[in-house]
N, C-alpha and C. Protein backbone atom coordinates (compact mmCIF):
# COMPACT_ATOMS: atom_id res chain seq x y z
N MET A 1 -8.94 8.66 3.91
CA MET A 1 -8.34 7.84 2.87
C MET A 1 -8.08 6.45 3.43
N LYS A 2 -8.58 5.46 2.75
CA LYS A 2 -8.44 4.10 3.23
C LYS A 2 -7.20 3.44 2.65
N ALA A 3 -6.67 2.48 3.39
CA ALA A 3 -5.48 1.78 2.95
C ALA A 3 -5.74 0.98 1.68
N SER A 4 -6.94 0.46 1.54
CA SER A 4 -7.26 -0.32 0.33
C SER A 4 -7.22 0.57 -0.91
N ASP A 5 -7.63 1.82 -0.77
CA ASP A 5 -7.54 2.77 -1.90
C ASP A 5 -6.09 3.08 -2.23
N LEU A 6 -5.27 3.20 -1.20
CA LEU A 6 -3.86 3.52 -1.41
C LEU A 6 -3.11 2.37 -2.06
N ARG A 7 -3.49 1.15 -1.73
CA ARG A 7 -2.80 -0.01 -2.29
C ARG A 7 -3.00 -0.14 -3.79
N GLU A 8 -4.05 0.46 -4.31
CA GLU A 8 -4.32 0.41 -5.75
C GLU A 8 -3.48 1.41 -6.54
N ARG A 9 -2.85 2.32 -5.85
CA ARG A 9 -2.06 3.36 -6.52
C ARG A 9 -0.66 2.87 -6.83
N THR A 10 -0.01 3.58 -7.76
CA THR A 10 1.37 3.24 -8.12
C THR A 10 2.33 3.85 -7.10
N GLN A 11 3.57 3.44 -7.19
CA GLN A 11 4.60 3.94 -6.27
C GLN A 11 4.76 5.46 -6.41
N ALA A 12 4.77 5.95 -7.63
CA ALA A 12 4.94 7.38 -7.86
C ALA A 12 3.77 8.17 -7.28
N GLU A 13 2.57 7.64 -7.44
CA GLU A 13 1.39 8.31 -6.88
C GLU A 13 1.45 8.35 -5.36
N LEU A 14 1.93 7.27 -4.75
CA LEU A 14 2.06 7.23 -3.29
C LEU A 14 3.09 8.25 -2.81
N GLU A 15 4.20 8.35 -3.51
CA GLU A 15 5.23 9.32 -3.12
C GLU A 15 4.72 10.75 -3.25
N LYS A 16 3.94 11.01 -4.30
CA LYS A 16 3.36 12.34 -4.48
C LYS A 16 2.34 12.63 -3.38
N GLU A 17 1.55 11.64 -3.02
CA GLU A 17 0.55 11.78 -1.96
C GLU A 17 1.24 12.09 -0.63
N GLU A 18 2.34 11.39 -0.35
CA GLU A 18 3.09 11.63 0.88
C GLU A 18 3.63 13.07 0.91
N LYS A 19 4.15 13.51 -0.20
CA LYS A 19 4.68 14.87 -0.29
C LYS A 19 3.57 15.90 -0.05
N ASP A 20 2.41 15.68 -0.67
CA ASP A 20 1.29 16.60 -0.50
C ASP A 20 0.79 16.62 0.95
N LEU A 21 0.73 15.45 1.57
CA LEU A 21 0.27 15.39 2.95
C LEU A 21 1.25 16.07 3.90
N LYS A 22 2.53 15.93 3.64
CA LYS A 22 3.52 16.60 4.48
C LYS A 22 3.42 18.12 4.34
N ALA A 23 3.14 18.59 3.13
CA ALA A 23 2.96 20.03 2.92
C ALA A 23 1.71 20.51 3.66
N GLU A 24 0.66 19.73 3.61
CA GLU A 24 -0.57 20.10 4.32
C GLU A 24 -0.34 20.12 5.83
N LEU A 25 0.42 19.15 6.35
CA LEU A 25 0.73 19.11 7.78
C LEU A 25 1.53 20.34 8.17
N PHE A 26 2.45 20.75 7.34
CA PHE A 26 3.25 21.95 7.60
C PHE A 26 2.35 23.17 7.73
N LYS A 27 1.40 23.31 6.81
CA LYS A 27 0.46 24.45 6.85
C LYS A 27 -0.41 24.40 8.10
N LEU A 28 -0.86 23.21 8.45
CA LEU A 28 -1.72 23.06 9.63
C LEU A 28 -0.97 23.41 10.90
N ARG A 29 0.31 23.05 10.96
CA ARG A 29 1.10 23.40 12.15
C ARG A 29 1.27 24.90 12.28
N PHE A 30 1.42 25.59 11.15
CA PHE A 30 1.51 27.05 11.20
C PHE A 30 0.19 27.65 11.68
N GLN A 31 -0.91 27.11 11.19
CA GLN A 31 -2.22 27.59 11.62
C GLN A 31 -2.42 27.35 13.11
N LEU A 32 -1.94 26.22 13.61
CA LEU A 32 -2.05 25.92 15.03
C LEU A 32 -1.24 26.91 15.86
N ALA A 33 -0.05 27.22 15.40
CA ALA A 33 0.83 28.13 16.14
C ALA A 33 0.28 29.56 16.18
N THR A 34 -0.45 29.94 15.14
CA THR A 34 -1.00 31.30 15.09
C THR A 34 -2.47 31.34 15.51
N ASN A 35 -2.94 30.26 16.10
CA ASN A 35 -4.33 30.16 16.58
C ASN A 35 -5.36 30.38 15.49
N GLN A 36 -5.09 29.93 14.28
CA GLN A 36 -6.03 30.06 13.18
C GLN A 36 -6.62 28.71 12.77
N LEU A 37 -6.22 27.66 13.46
CA LEU A 37 -6.69 26.33 13.10
C LEU A 37 -8.09 26.13 13.66
N GLU A 38 -9.04 25.85 12.76
CA GLU A 38 -10.42 25.70 13.18
C GLU A 38 -10.70 24.30 13.71
N ASN A 39 -10.09 23.29 13.11
CA ASN A 39 -10.36 21.92 13.50
C ASN A 39 -9.05 21.21 13.86
N PRO A 40 -8.70 21.14 15.15
CA PRO A 40 -7.45 20.51 15.56
C PRO A 40 -7.37 19.01 15.22
N MET A 41 -8.51 18.37 15.02
CA MET A 41 -8.51 16.95 14.67
C MET A 41 -7.96 16.72 13.27
N LYS A 42 -7.93 17.77 12.47
CA LYS A 42 -7.39 17.66 11.11
C LYS A 42 -5.91 17.28 11.17
N LEU A 43 -5.18 17.78 12.16
CA LEU A 43 -3.77 17.43 12.35
C LEU A 43 -3.62 15.92 12.52
N ARG A 44 -4.45 15.35 13.36
CA ARG A 44 -4.39 13.92 13.63
C ARG A 44 -4.70 13.12 12.36
N ASP A 45 -5.70 13.54 11.63
CA ASP A 45 -6.08 12.83 10.40
C ASP A 45 -4.95 12.84 9.37
N VAL A 46 -4.30 13.98 9.23
CA VAL A 46 -3.22 14.09 8.25
C VAL A 46 -2.03 13.23 8.67
N LYS A 47 -1.72 13.23 9.96
CA LYS A 47 -0.61 12.40 10.45
C LYS A 47 -0.89 10.92 10.20
N LYS A 48 -2.12 10.51 10.44
CA LYS A 48 -2.47 9.11 10.22
C LYS A 48 -2.42 8.75 8.74
N SER A 49 -2.81 9.68 7.89
CA SER A 49 -2.75 9.43 6.45
C SER A 49 -1.30 9.28 5.99
N ILE A 50 -0.43 10.12 6.53
CA ILE A 50 1.00 10.01 6.20
C ILE A 50 1.53 8.64 6.63
N ALA A 51 1.13 8.20 7.81
CA ALA A 51 1.58 6.90 8.31
C ALA A 51 1.07 5.77 7.41
N ARG A 52 -0.17 5.87 6.94
CA ARG A 52 -0.71 4.85 6.05
C ARG A 52 0.09 4.76 4.76
N VAL A 53 0.38 5.92 4.20
CA VAL A 53 1.13 5.95 2.93
C VAL A 53 2.53 5.37 3.13
N LYS A 54 3.19 5.77 4.20
CA LYS A 54 4.53 5.27 4.46
C LYS A 54 4.53 3.77 4.70
N THR A 55 3.50 3.27 5.37
CA THR A 55 3.40 1.84 5.63
C THR A 55 3.28 1.05 4.34
N ILE A 56 2.45 1.53 3.43
CA ILE A 56 2.27 0.83 2.16
C ILE A 56 3.53 0.89 1.32
N ILE A 57 4.21 2.04 1.32
CA ILE A 57 5.48 2.15 0.60
C ILE A 57 6.49 1.14 1.16
N ARG A 58 6.56 1.04 2.47
CA ARG A 58 7.51 0.12 3.11
C ARG A 58 7.14 -1.34 2.83
N GLU A 59 5.85 -1.64 2.84
CA GLU A 59 5.42 -3.01 2.52
C GLU A 59 5.90 -3.41 1.13
N ARG A 60 5.78 -2.48 0.19
CA ARG A 60 6.19 -2.77 -1.19
C ARG A 60 7.70 -2.93 -1.29
N GLN A 61 8.45 -2.14 -0.50
CA GLN A 61 9.90 -2.28 -0.52
C GLN A 61 10.31 -3.67 0.00
N LEU A 62 9.67 -4.10 1.05
CA LEU A 62 10.00 -5.42 1.62
C LEU A 62 9.58 -6.55 0.69
N LYS A 63 8.47 -6.35 0.02
CA LYS A 63 7.96 -7.36 -0.90
C LYS A 63 8.78 -7.39 -2.18
N GLY A 64 9.33 -6.25 -2.55
CA GLY A 64 10.15 -6.19 -3.75
C GLY A 64 9.38 -5.84 -5.01
N THR A 65 8.16 -5.36 -4.85
CA THR A 65 7.37 -4.97 -6.02
C THR A 65 7.19 -3.46 -6.02
N ASP A 66 7.26 -2.89 -7.20
CA ASP A 66 7.02 -1.46 -7.36
C ASP A 66 5.83 -1.27 -8.29
N LYS A 67 4.69 -1.66 -7.84
CA LYS A 67 3.46 -1.61 -8.63
C LYS A 67 3.20 -0.26 -9.21
């Protein structure tokens, strides 16, 4: 997921995306703990996606716009 795609979304969509990504990260961590995770790089990708979403949310808070 690219940052440019995320910037086009509304605040509510970004918050929902963050919630979904956190749920996915939770599931991936359980799979890692039980040795069922097939692709460990997926953890890294999800963490980076969460960071992107949080960054854009914070940018909007500082800017004062809730697109």
